[in-house]
PDB file of N, CA and C in Angstrom:
ATOM      1  N   MET A   1       3.225  15.480   1.003  1.00  0.00           N
ATOM      2  CA  MET A   1       1.787  15.270   0.652  1.00  0.00           C
ATOM      3  C   MET A   1       1.672  14.591  -0.629  1.00  0.00           C
ATOM      4  N   ALA A   2       2.535  14.726  -1.598  1.00  0.00           N
ATOM      5  CA  ALA A   2       2.433  14.086  -2.857  1.00  0.00           C
ATOM      6  C   ALA A   2       2.362  12.506  -2.698  1.00  0.00           C
ATOM      7  N   VAL A   3       3.128  11.956  -1.774  1.00  0.00           N
ATOM      8  CA  VAL A   3       3.106  10.583  -1.532  1.00  0.00           C
ATOM      9  C   VAL A   3       1.691   9.985  -1.185  1.00  0.00           C
ATOM     10  N   ILE A   4       1.048  10.680  -0.217  1.00  0.00           N
ATOM     11  CA  ILE A   4      -0.259  10.203   0.197  1.00  0.00           C
ATOM     12  C   ILE A   4      -1.256  10.440  -0.908  1.00  0.00           C
ATOM     13  N   ASN A   5      -1.152  11.413  -1.721  1.00  0.00           N
ATOM     14  CA  ASN A   5      -2.046  11.651  -2.802  1.00  0.00           C
ATOM     15  C   ASN A   5      -1.834  10.602  -3.857  1.00  0.00           C
ATOM     16  N   THR A   6      -0.698  10.238  -4.253  1.00  0.00           N
ATOM     17  CA  THR A   6      -0.357   9.125  -5.120  1.00  0.00           C
ATOM     18  C   THR A   6      -0.913   7.824  -4.593  1.00  0.00           C
ATOM     19  N   ILE A   7      -0.865   7.544  -3.339  1.00  0.00           N
ATOM     20  CA  ILE A   7      -1.432   6.302  -2.702  1.00  0.00           C
ATOM     21  C   ILE A   7      -2.938   6.295  -2.917  1.00  0.00           C
ATOM     22  N   TYR A   8      -3.591   7.566  -2.566  1.00  0.00           N
ATOM     23  CA  TYR A   8      -4.954   7.657  -2.667  1.00  0.00           C
ATOM     24  C   TYR A   8      -5.456   7.422  -4.022  1.00  0.00           C
ATOM     25  N   GLU A   9      -4.742   7.989  -5.029  1.00  0.00           N
ATOM     26  CA  GLU A   9      -5.191   7.823  -6.479  1.00  0.00           C
ATOM     27  C   GLU A   9      -4.950   6.317  -6.837  1.00  0.00           C
ATOM     28  N   ALA A  10      -3.918   5.733  -6.552  1.00  0.00           N
ATOM     29  CA  ALA A  10      -3.649   4.299  -6.808  1.00  0.00           C
ATOM     30  C   ALA A  10      -4.734   3.472  -6.156  1.00  0.00           C
ATOM     31  N   ILE A  11      -5.097   3.622  -5.019  1.00  0.00           N
ATOM     32  CA  ILE A  11      -6.198   2.839  -4.466  1.00  0.00           C
ATOM     33  C   ILE A  11      -7.570   3.139  -5.155  1.00  0.00           C
ATOM     34  N   GLY A  12      -7.854   4.311  -5.397  1.00  0.00           N
ATOM     35  CA  GLY A  12      -9.074   4.595  -6.106  1.00  0.00           C
ATOM     36  C   GLY A  12      -9.217   4.123  -7.471  1.00  0.00           C
ATOM     37  N   ASP A  13      -8.060   4.168  -8.116  1.00  0.00           N
ATOM     38  CA  ASP A  13      -8.014   3.683  -9.531  1.00  0.00           C
ATOM     39  C   ASP A  13      -7.583   2.225  -9.690  1.00  0.00           C
ATOM     40  N   ARG A  14      -7.297   1.680  -8.573  1.00  0.00           N
ATOM     41  CA  ARG A  14      -6.844   0.183  -8.432  1.00  0.00           C
ATOM     42  C   ARG A  14      -5.603   0.035  -9.433  1.00  0.00           C
ATOM     43  N   ARG A  15      -4.662   0.884  -9.206  1.00  0.00           N
ATOM     44  CA  ARG A  15      -3.344   0.844  -9.989  1.00  0.00           C
ATOM     45  C   ARG A  15      -2.293   0.403  -9.093  1.00  0.00           C
ATOM     46  N   VAL A  16      -1.442  -0.484  -9.744  1.00  0.00           N
ATOM     47  CA  VAL A  16      -0.210  -0.976  -8.960  1.00  0.00           C
ATOM     48  C   VAL A  16       0.827   0.045  -8.774  1.00  0.00           C
ATOM     49  N   LEU A  17       1.548   0.034  -7.512  1.00  0.00           N
ATOM     50  CA  LEU A  17       2.415   1.018  -7.245  1.00  0.00           C
ATOM     51  C   LEU A  17       3.891   0.342  -7.250  1.00  0.00           C
ATOM     52  N   THR A  18       4.815   1.234  -7.607  1.00  0.00           N
ATOM     53  CA  THR A  18       6.272   0.807  -7.453  1.00  0.00           C
ATOM     54  C   THR A  18       6.825   1.800  -6.559  1.00  0.00           C
ATOM     55  N   PHE A  19       7.785   1.307  -5.739  1.00  0.00           N
ATOM     56  CA  PHE A  19       8.461   2.250  -4.738  1.00  0.00           C
ATOM     57  C   PHE A  19       9.680   1.431  -4.221  1.00  0.00           C
ATOM     58  N   VAL A  20      10.587   2.234  -3.520  1.00  0.00           N
ATOM     59  CA  VAL A  20      11.676   1.618  -2.766  1.00  0.00           C
ATOM     60  C   VAL A  20      11.487   1.699  -1.258  1.00  0.00           C
ATOM     61  N   TYR A  21      11.741   0.484  -0.766  1.00  0.00           N
ATOM     62  CA  TYR A  21      11.458   0.454   0.730  1.00  0.00           C
ATOM     63  C   TYR A  21      12.569  -0.377   1.309  1.00  0.00           C
ATOM     64  N   LYS A  22      13.213   0.103   2.418  1.00  0.00           N
ATOM     65  CA  LYS A  22      14.345  -0.621   2.943  1.00  0.00           C
ATOM     66  C   LYS A  22      15.397  -0.933   1.905  1.00  0.00           C
ATOM     67  N   GLY A  23      15.619  -0.013   0.986  1.00  0.00           N
ATOM     68  CA  GLY A  23      16.713  -0.250   0.022  1.00  0.00           C
ATOM     69  C   GLY A  23      16.366  -1.199  -1.113  1.00  0.00           C
ATOM     70  N   GLN A  24      15.160  -1.653  -1.192  1.00  0.00           N
ATOM     71  CA  GLN A  24      14.762  -2.536  -2.325  1.00  0.00           C
ATOM     72  C   GLN A  24      13.548  -2.030  -3.097  1.00  0.00           C
ATOM     73  N   GLU A  25      13.591  -2.277  -4.413  1.00  0.00           N
ATOM     74  CA  GLU A  25      12.383  -1.933  -5.295  1.00  0.00           C
ATOM     75  C   GLU A  25      11.246  -2.923  -5.000  1.00  0.00           C
ATOM     76  N   ARG A  26      10.058  -2.269  -4.837  1.00  0.00           N
ATOM     77  CA  ARG A  26       8.878  -3.224  -4.559  1.00  0.00           C
ATOM     78  C   ARG A  26       7.940  -2.825  -5.691  1.00  0.00           C
ATOM     79  N   ILE A  27       7.029  -3.864  -5.956  1.00  0.00           N
ATOM     80  CA  ILE A  27       5.908  -3.604  -6.780  1.00  0.00           C
ATOM     81  C   ILE A  27       4.703  -4.183  -5.935  1.00  0.00           C
ATOM     82  N   ALA A  28       3.678  -3.453  -5.743  1.00  0.00           N
ATOM     83  CA  ALA A  28       2.659  -3.800  -4.921  1.00  0.00           C
ATOM     84  C   ALA A  28       1.186  -3.349  -5.284  1.00  0.00           C
ATOM     85  N   GLU A  29       0.194  -4.029  -4.838  1.00  0.00           N
ATOM     86  CA  GLU A  29      -1.195  -3.583  -5.119  1.00  0.00           C
ATOM     87  C   GLU A  29      -1.637  -2.920  -3.797  1.00  0.00           C
ATOM     88  N   PRO A  30      -1.956  -1.559  -3.783  1.00  0.00           N
ATOM     89  CA  PRO A  30      -2.357  -1.012  -2.484  1.00  0.00           C
ATOM     90  C   PRO A  30      -3.866  -1.278  -2.111  1.00  0.00           C
ATOM     91  N   TYR A  31      -4.104  -1.617  -0.944  1.00  0.00           N
ATOM     92  CA  TYR A  31      -5.364  -1.959  -0.429  1.00  0.00           C
ATOM     93  C   TYR A  31      -5.925  -0.946   0.590  1.00  0.00           C
ATOM     94  N   ILE A  32      -5.070  -0.624   1.621  1.00  0.00           N
ATOM     95  CA  ILE A  32      -5.462   0.292   2.632  1.00  0.00           C
ATOM     96  C   ILE A  32      -4.326   1.112   2.948  1.00  0.00           C
ATOM     97  N   VAL A  33      -4.654   2.457   3.314  1.00  0.00           N
ATOM     98  CA  VAL A  33      -3.685   3.406   3.987  1.00  0.00           C
ATOM     99  C   VAL A  33      -4.468   4.034   5.167  1.00  0.00           C
ATOM    100  N   GLY A  34      -3.720   4.034   6.278  1.00  0.00           N
ATOM    101  CA  GLY A  34      -4.274   4.578   7.468  1.00  0.00           C
ATOM    102  C   GLY A  34      -3.325   4.689   8.533  1.00  0.00           C
ATOM    103  N   TYR A  35      -3.863   4.909   9.724  1.00  0.00           N
ATOM    104  CA  TYR A  35      -2.921   4.938  10.879  1.00  0.00           C
ATOM    105  C   TYR A  35      -2.993   3.745  11.796  1.00  0.00           C
ATOM    106  N   ASP A  36      -1.938   3.264  12.268  1.00  0.00           N
ATOM    107  CA  ASP A  36      -1.975   2.113  13.360  1.00  0.00           C
ATOM    108  C   ASP A  36      -2.170   2.810  14.725  1.00  0.00           C
ATOM    109  N   GLU A  37      -2.190   1.950  15.661  1.00  0.00           N
ATOM    110  CA  GLU A  37      -2.468   2.327  17.047  1.00  0.00           C
ATOM    111  C   GLU A  37      -1.377   3.307  17.586  1.00  0.00           C
ATOM    112  N   LYS A  38      -0.174   3.470  17.001  1.00  0.00           N
ATOM    113  CA  LYS A  38       0.816   4.295  17.463  1.00  0.00           C
ATOM    114  C   LYS A  38       0.788   5.588  16.576  1.00  0.00           C
ATOM    115  N   HIS A  39      -0.238   5.897  15.788  1.00  0.00           N
ATOM    116  CA  HIS A  39      -0.357   7.034  14.901  1.00  0.00           C
ATOM    117  C   HIS A  39       0.630   7.133  13.811  1.00  0.00           C
ATOM    118  N   LYS A  40       1.126   5.932  13.362  1.00  0.00           N
ATOM    119  CA  LYS A  40       1.990   5.868  12.229  1.00  0.00           C
ATOM    120  C   LYS A  40       1.155   5.569  10.983  1.00  0.00           C
ATOM    121  N   LEU A  41       1.516   6.317   9.895  1.00  0.00           N
ATOM    122  CA  LEU A  41       0.859   6.186   8.554  1.00  0.00           C
ATOM    123  C   LEU A  41       1.422   5.012   7.886  1.00  0.00           C
ATOM    124  N   VAL A  42       0.443   3.997   7.635  1.00  0.00           N
ATOM    125  CA  VAL A  42       0.907   2.714   7.145  1.00  0.00           C
ATOM    126  C   VAL A  42       0.085   2.424   5.772  1.00  0.00           C
ATOM    127  N   LEU A  43       0.736   1.722   4.899  1.00  0.00           N
ATOM    128  CA  LEU A  43       0.276   1.285   3.643  1.00  0.00           C
ATOM    129  C   LEU A  43       0.151  -0.247   3.857  1.00  0.00           C
ATOM    130  N   SER A  44      -1.012  -0.885   3.620  1.00  0.00           N
ATOM    131  CA  SER A  44      -1.286  -2.390   3.515  1.00  0.00           C
ATOM    132  C   SER A  44      -1.438  -2.623   2.089  1.00  0.00           C
ATOM    133  N   ALA A  45      -0.547  -3.463   1.537  1.00  0.00           N
ATOM    134  CA  ALA A  45      -0.583  -3.733   0.094  1.00  0.00           C
ATOM    135  C   ALA A  45      -0.025  -5.187  -0.150  1.00  0.00           C
ATOM    136  N   VAL A  46      -0.463  -5.767  -1.333  1.00  0.00           N
ATOM    137  CA  VAL A  46      -0.117  -7.084  -1.653  1.00  0.00           C
ATOM    138  C   VAL A  46       1.202  -6.876  -2.510  1.00  0.00           C
ATOM    139  N   GLN A  47       2.292  -7.315  -1.879  1.00  0.00           N
ATOM    140  CA  GLN A  47       3.660  -7.131  -2.470  1.00  0.00           C
ATOM    141  C   GLN A  47       3.678  -8.172  -3.675  1.00  0.00           C
ATOM    142  N   LEU A  48       4.025  -7.744  -4.858  1.00  0.00           N
ATOM    143  CA  LEU A  48       4.040  -8.705  -6.004  1.00  0.00           C
ATOM    144  C   LEU A  48       5.496  -9.007  -6.264  1.00  0.00           C
ATOM    145  N   SER A  49       6.418  -8.211  -5.928  1.00  0.00           N
ATOM    146  CA  SER A  49       7.891  -8.566  -6.127  1.00  0.00           C
ATOM    147  C   SER A  49       8.748  -7.639  -5.165  1.00  0.00           C
ATOM    148  N   GLY A  50       9.886  -8.170  -4.925  1.00  0.00           N
ATOM    149  CA  GLY A  50      10.838  -7.392  -4.077  1.00  0.00           C
ATOM    150  C   GLY A  50      10.696  -7.657  -2.541  1.00  0.00           C
ATOM    151  N   GLY A  51      11.728  -7.336  -1.909  1.00  0.00           N
ATOM    152  CA  GLY A  51      11.686  -7.552  -0.408  1.00  0.00           C
ATOM    153  C   GLY A  51      11.485  -9.022   0.019  1.00  0.00           C
ATOM    154  N   SER A  52      10.542  -9.207   1.060  1.00  0.00           N
ATOM    155  CA  SER A  52      10.399 -10.517   1.726  1.00  0.00           C
ATOM    156  C   SER A  52       9.493 -11.409   0.877  1.00  0.00           C
ATOM    157  N   GLY A  53       9.271 -11.185  -0.359  1.00  0.00           N
ATOM    158  CA  GLY A  53       8.327 -12.131  -1.221  1.00  0.00           C
ATOM    159  C   GLY A  53       7.011 -11.617  -1.421  1.00  0.00           C
ATOM    160  N   VAL A  54       6.070 -12.383  -1.829  1.00  0.00           N
ATOM    161  CA  VAL A  54       4.733 -12.012  -2.268  1.00  0.00           C
ATOM    162  C   VAL A  54       3.686 -12.011  -1.018  1.00  0.00           C
ATOM    163  N   GLY A  55       2.698 -11.381  -1.118  1.00  0.00           N
ATOM    164  CA  GLY A  55       1.721 -11.392  -0.098  1.00  0.00           C
ATOM    165  C   GLY A  55       1.469 -10.001   0.512  1.00  0.00           C
ATOM    166  N   PHE A  56       0.401 -10.028   1.355  1.00  0.00           N
ATOM    167  CA  PHE A  56       0.177  -8.713   2.152  1.00  0.00           C
ATOM    168  C   PHE A  56       1.233  -8.381   3.006  1.00  0.00           C
ATOM    169  N   ARG A  57       1.636  -7.174   2.969  1.00  0.00           N
ATOM    170  CA  ARG A  57       2.671  -6.524   3.710  1.00  0.00           C
ATOM    171  C   ARG A  57       2.272  -5.156   4.214  1.00  0.00           C
ATOM    172  N   SER A  58       2.774  -4.710   5.343  1.00  0.00           N
ATOM    173  CA  SER A  58       2.549  -3.346   5.863  1.00  0.00           C
ATOM    174  C   SER A  58       3.848  -2.504   5.700  1.00  0.00           C
ATOM    175  N   PHE A  59       3.627  -1.344   5.048  1.00  0.00           N
ATOM    176  CA  PHE A  59       4.744  -0.471   4.867  1.00  0.00           C
ATOM    177  C   PHE A  59       4.647   0.937   5.622  1.00  0.00           C
ATOM    178  N   ASP A  60       5.668   1.419   6.253  1.00  0.00           N
ATOM    179  CA  ASP A  60       5.728   2.698   6.857  1.00  0.00           C
ATOM    180  C   ASP A  60       5.690   3.744   5.768  1.00  0.00           C
ATOM    181  N   VAL A  61       4.636   4.652   5.517  1.00  0.00           N
ATOM    182  CA  VAL A  61       4.606   5.424   4.388  1.00  0.00           C
ATOM    183  C   VAL A  61       5.753   6.347   4.467  1.00  0.00           C
ATOM    184  N   ASP A  62       6.228   6.821   5.639  1.00  0.00           N
ATOM    185  CA  ASP A  62       7.226   7.780   5.624  1.00  0.00           C
ATOM    186  C   ASP A  62       8.611   7.295   5.164  1.00  0.00           C
ATOM    187  N   ALA A  63       8.663   5.905   5.056  1.00  0.00           N
ATOM    188  CA  ALA A  63       9.995   5.234   4.585  1.00  0.00           C
ATOM    189  C   ALA A  63       9.940   4.894   3.174  1.00  0.00           C
ATOM    190  N   LEU A  64       8.750   5.174   2.423  1.00  0.00           N
ATOM    191  CA  LEU A  64       8.646   4.915   0.947  1.00  0.00           C
ATOM    192  C   LEU A  64       9.402   6.015   0.169  1.00  0.00           C
ATOM    193  N   SER A  65      10.172   5.600  -0.847  1.00  0.00           N
ATOM    194  CA  SER A  65      10.673   6.551  -1.721  1.00  0.00           C
ATOM    195  C   SER A  65      10.545   6.134  -3.234  1.00  0.00           C
ATOM    196  N   GLU A  66      10.730   7.100  -4.119  1.00  0.00           N
ATOM    197  CA  GLU A  66      10.527   6.822  -5.485  1.00  0.00           C
ATOM    198  C   GLU A  66       9.167   6.152  -5.788  1.00  0.00           C
ATOM    199  N   LEU A  67       8.153   6.548  -5.079  1.00  0.00           N
ATOM    200  CA  LEU A  67       6.687   6.125  -5.339  1.00  0.00           C
ATOM    201  C   LEU A  67       6.228   6.483  -6.547  1.00  0.00           C
ATOM    202  N   ALA A  68       5.695   5.532  -7.282  1.00  0.00           N
ATOM    203  CA  ALA A  68       5.055   5.853  -8.693  1.00  0.00           C
ATOM    204  C   ALA A  68       3.870   5.001  -8.825  1.00  0.00           C
ATOM    205  N   LYS A  69       2.705   5.541  -9.424  1.00  0.00           N
ATOM    206  CA  LYS A  69       1.503   4.861  -9.804  1.00  0.00           C
ATOM    207  C   LYS A  69       1.874   4.354 -11.330  1.00  0.00           C
ATOM    208  N   THR A  70       1.588   3.076 -11.507  1.00  0.00           N
ATOM    209  CA  THR A  70       1.776   2.442 -12.767  1.00  0.00           C
ATOM    210  C   THR A  70       0.551   2.438 -13.619  1.00  0.00           C
ATOM    211  N   GLU A  71       0.567   2.023 -14.846  1.00  0.00           N
ATOM    212  CA  GLU A  71      -0.700   1.787 -15.621  1.00  0.00           C
ATOM    213  C   GLU A  71      -1.307   0.453 -15.402  1.00  0.00           C
ATOM    214  N   ARG A  72      -0.688  -0.380 -14.706  1.00  0.00           N
ATOM    215  CA  ARG A  72      -1.097  -1.704 -14.400  1.00  0.00           C
ATOM    216  C   ARG A  72      -2.310  -1.753 -13.387  1.00  0.00           C
ATOM    217  N   ARG A  73      -3.384  -2.401 -13.701  1.00  0.00           N
ATOM    218  CA  ARG A  73      -4.531  -2.387 -12.829  1.00  0.00           C
ATOM    219  C   ARG A  73      -4.454  -3.719 -12.105  1.00  0.00           C
ATOM    220  N   PHE A  74      -5.260  -3.700 -10.927  1.00  0.00           N
ATOM    221  CA  PHE A  74      -5.523  -4.944 -10.143  1.00  0.00           C
ATOM    222  C   PHE A  74      -6.953  -4.918  -9.843  1.00  0.00           C
ATOM    223  N   SER A  75      -7.527  -6.148  -9.438  1.00  0.00           N
ATOM    224  CA  SER A  75      -8.950  -6.341  -9.279  1.00  0.00           C
ATOM    225  C   SER A  75      -9.474  -5.768  -7.895  1.00  0.00           C
ATOM    226  N   GLY A  76      -8.667  -5.797  -6.954  1.00  0.00           N
ATOM    227  CA  GLY A  76      -9.059  -5.317  -5.540  1.00  0.00           C
ATOM    228  C   GLY A  76      -9.762  -6.403  -4.792  1.00  0.00           C
ATOM    229  N   THR A  77      -9.783  -7.585  -5.273  1.00  0.00           N
ATOM    230  CA  THR A  77     -10.546  -8.611  -4.732  1.00  0.00           C
ATOM    231  C   THR A  77      -9.605  -9.800  -4.191  1.00  0.00           C
ATOM    232  N   HIS A  78      -8.476  -9.492  -3.572  1.00  0.00           N
ATOM    233  CA  HIS A  78      -7.554 -10.534  -3.178  1.00  0.00           C
ATOM    234  C   HIS A  78      -8.250 -11.201  -1.998  1.00  0.00           C
ATOM    235  N   PRO A  79      -8.095 -12.625  -2.003  1.00  0.00           N
ATOM    236  CA  PRO A  79      -8.772 -13.374  -1.013  1.00  0.00           C
ATOM    237  C   PRO A  79      -8.374 -13.164   0.454  1.00  0.00           C
ATOM    238  N   ASP A  80      -7.198 -12.527   0.669  1.00  0.00           N
ATOM    239  CA  ASP A  80      -6.653 -12.277   1.996  1.00  0.00           C
ATOM    240  C   ASP A  80      -7.107 -10.923   2.476  1.00  0.00           C
ATOM    241  N   TYR A  81      -7.737 -10.064   1.660  1.00  0.00           N
ATOM    242  CA  TYR A  81      -8.103  -8.821   1.974  1.00  0.00           C
ATOM    243  C   TYR A  81      -9.114  -8.691   3.080  1.00  0.00           C
ATOM    244  N   ASN A  82      -8.839  -7.896   4.131  1.00  0.00           N
ATOM    245  CA  ASN A  82      -9.842  -7.672   5.148  1.00  0.00           C
ATOM    246  C   ASN A  82     -10.121  -6.215   5.340  1.00  0.00           C
ATOM    247  N   PRO A  83     -11.356  -5.741   4.750  1.00  0.00           N
ATOM    248  CA  PRO A  83     -11.738  -4.338   4.763  1.00  0.00           C
ATOM    249  C   PRO A  83     -11.741  -3.752   6.331  1.00  0.00           C
ATOM    250  N   ARG A  84     -11.837  -4.672   7.237  1.00  0.00           N
ATOM    251  CA  ARG A  84     -11.978  -4.260   8.725  1.00  0.00           C
ATOM    252  C   ARG A  84     -10.607  -4.727   9.424  1.00  0.00           C
ATOM    253  N   ASP A  85      -9.488  -4.616   8.757  1.00  0.00           N
ATOM    254  CA  ASP A  85      -8.213  -5.007   9.253  1.00  0.00           C
ATOM    255  C   ASP A  85      -8.050  -4.362  10.722  1.00  0.00           C
ATOM    256  N   PRO A  86      -7.824  -5.224  11.687  1.00  0.00           N
ATOM    257  CA  PRO A  86      -7.694  -4.663  13.099  1.00  0.00           C
ATOM    258  C   PRO A  86      -6.376  -3.986  13.303  1.00  0.00           C
ATOM    259  N   TYR A  87      -5.463  -4.116  12.391  1.00  0.00           N
ATOM    260  CA  TYR A  87      -4.123  -3.424  12.552  1.00  0.00           C
ATOM    261  C   TYR A  87      -4.220  -1.898  12.533  1.00  0.00           C
ATOM    262  N   PHE A  88      -5.313  -1.387  11.797  1.00  0.00           N
ATOM    263  CA  PHE A  88      -5.594  -0.058  11.567  1.00  0.00           C
ATOM    264  C   PHE A  88      -6.549   0.551  12.749  1.00  0.00           C
ATOM    265  N   ALA A  89      -5.984   1.676  13.368  1.00  0.00           N
ATOM    266  CA  ALA A  89      -6.869   2.384  14.298  1.00  0.00           C
ATOM    267  C   ALA A  89      -7.715   3.387  13.491  1.00  0.00           C
ATOM    268  N   HIS A  90      -7.273   3.833  12.451  1.00  0.00           N
ATOM    269  CA  HIS A  90      -8.026   4.711  11.633  1.00  0.00           C
ATOM    270  C   HIS A  90      -7.691   4.518  10.214  1.00  0.00           C
ATOM    271  N   ILE A  91      -8.576   4.128   9.347  1.00  0.00           N
ATOM    272  CA  ILE A  91      -8.470   3.895   7.835  1.00  0.00           C
ATOM    273  C   ILE A  91      -8.750   5.231   7.097  1.00  0.00           C
ATOM    274  N   LEU A  92      -7.831   5.620   6.243  1.00  0.00           N
ATOM    275  CA  LEU A  92      -8.062   6.849   5.390  1.00  0.00           C
ATOM    276  C   LEU A  92      -8.626   6.561   4.115  1.00  0.00           C
ATOM    277  N   ARG A  93      -8.212   5.542   3.442  1.00  0.00           N
ATOM    278  CA  ARG A  93      -8.679   5.076   2.047  1.00  0.00           C
ATOM    279  C   ARG A  93      -8.519   3.434   1.993  1.00  0.00           C
ATOM    280  N   GLN A  94      -9.398   3.032   1.200  1.00  0.00           N
ATOM    281  CA  GLN A  94      -9.217   1.500   1.097  1.00  0.00           C
ATOM    282  C   GLN A  94      -9.956   1.246  -0.302  1.00  0.00           C
ATOM    283  N   VAL A  95      -9.702   0.117  -0.860  1.00  0.00           N
ATOM    284  CA  VAL A  95     -10.350  -0.345  -2.120  1.00  0.00           C
ATOM    285  C   VAL A  95     -11.863  -0.651  -1.865  1.00  0.00           C
TER     286      VAL A  95
END
């Protein structure tokens, strides 16, 4: 439960997250956390570094490790952000 609470706080405070996903450290701006159509908990975030490059990515929350909220803030106004992202069947939190 600590993972989801950290994500909620980061979205609410617009704080950048760091975490390990698929064996690689990532730095990302969290925008949406919710459930997809298969009831999987997913984080939609703008990846700033790590993994497959920069831009919006979806992360399986159950596969995140070493999750931490940083002191770095972000605006929450990324041009590719869609508050009605059709990928999500149910949004829990978003910027």
